[in-house]
Amino acid sequence: YVPFLFTVQAWQDAGLGLSTTSNEACKLFDAALSQYATWRNDENLGGIEGCLSKLKAADPNFGKCNL
């Protein structure tokens, strides 16, 4: 569980709708994206690979974003 990252509504409010209705998938996407953008593998979040693995489990159909 990643409590402080963007939910579905937060992404929509920012004008960046994603192709999922899963809040957990959105938070994990945000966690992976944040780590990638900052060149930091945050073990507290499970690292980039861990976040992407959990994201796939949270929503197997979340493969692309409508950015």
Protein backbone atom coordinates (compact mmCIF):
# COMPACT_ATOMS: atom_id res chain seq x y z
CA TYR A 1 0.00 0.00 0.00
CA VAL A 2 1.39 3.40 -1.04
CA PRO A 3 -0.65 6.10 0.78
CA PHE A 4 0.93 9.36 -0.40
CA LEU A 5 0.99 8.93 -4.18
CA PHE A 6 -1.53 9.92 -6.86
CA THR A 7 -4.88 8.12 -6.97
CA VAL A 8 -7.09 7.81 -10.06
CA GLN A 9 -8.83 11.07 -9.15
CA ALA A 10 -5.56 12.91 -8.53
CA TRP A 11 -4.24 11.93 -11.97
CA GLN A 12 -7.54 13.05 -13.55
CA ASP A 13 -7.47 16.33 -11.62
CA ALA A 14 -3.99 16.95 -13.04
CA GLY A 15 -5.38 16.37 -16.54
CA LEU A 16 -3.58 13.05 -16.90
CA GLY A 17 -6.18 10.31 -17.10
CA LEU A 18 -4.71 6.81 -16.93
CA SER A 19 -6.08 3.60 -18.42
CA THR A 20 -7.06 2.06 -15.07
CA THR A 21 -9.69 2.47 -12.40
CA SER A 22 -7.41 0.96 -9.73
CA ASN A 23 -6.14 3.43 -7.14
CA GLU A 24 -3.43 0.95 -6.14
CA ALA A 25 -2.21 0.69 -9.75
CA CYS A 26 -2.14 4.48 -10.06
CA LYS A 27 -0.13 4.85 -6.86
CA LEU A 28 2.33 2.16 -7.95
CA PHE A 29 2.69 3.81 -11.37
CA ASP A 30 3.41 7.11 -9.63
CA ALA A 31 5.95 5.39 -7.36
CA ALA A 32 7.74 3.77 -10.32
CA LEU A 33 7.66 6.97 -12.37
CA SER A 34 8.97 9.06 -9.46
CA GLN A 35 11.85 6.67 -8.88
CA TYR A 36 12.71 6.59 -12.57
CA ALA A 37 12.59 10.38 -12.91
CA THR A 38 14.84 10.91 -9.88
CA TRP A 39 17.25 8.07 -10.72
CA ARG A 40 16.58 6.59 -7.29
CA ASN A 41 15.60 3.02 -6.49
CA ASP A 42 13.61 3.44 -3.27
CA GLU A 43 13.62 0.14 -1.41
CA ASN A 44 10.87 1.46 0.91
CA LEU A 45 8.58 1.40 -2.13
CA GLY A 46 9.95 -1.93 -3.37
CA GLY A 47 12.20 -0.38 -5.98
CA ILE A 48 11.20 0.26 -9.58
CA GLU A 49 10.95 -3.42 -10.50
CA GLY A 50 8.97 -4.18 -7.36
CA CYS A 51 6.52 -1.37 -8.07
CA LEU A 52 6.05 -2.49 -11.67
CA SER A 53 5.50 -6.08 -10.55
CA LYS A 54 2.91 -5.01 -7.97
CA LEU A 55 1.30 -2.69 -10.54
CA LYS A 56 0.83 -5.61 -12.94
CA ALA A 57 -0.75 -7.64 -10.12
CA ALA A 58 -3.05 -4.74 -9.15
CA ASP A 59 -4.28 -4.28 -12.74
CA PRO A 60 -2.97 -6.70 -15.38
CA ASN A 61 -4.60 -4.60 -18.13
CA PHE A 62 -2.88 -1.37 -17.14
CA GLY A 63 -0.37 -1.37 -19.94
CA LYS A 64 -0.53 2.10 -21.37
CA CYS A 65 -1.37 5.59 -20.23
CA ASN A 66 -3.53 8.13 -21.98
CA LEU A 67 -1.17 11.05 -21.48
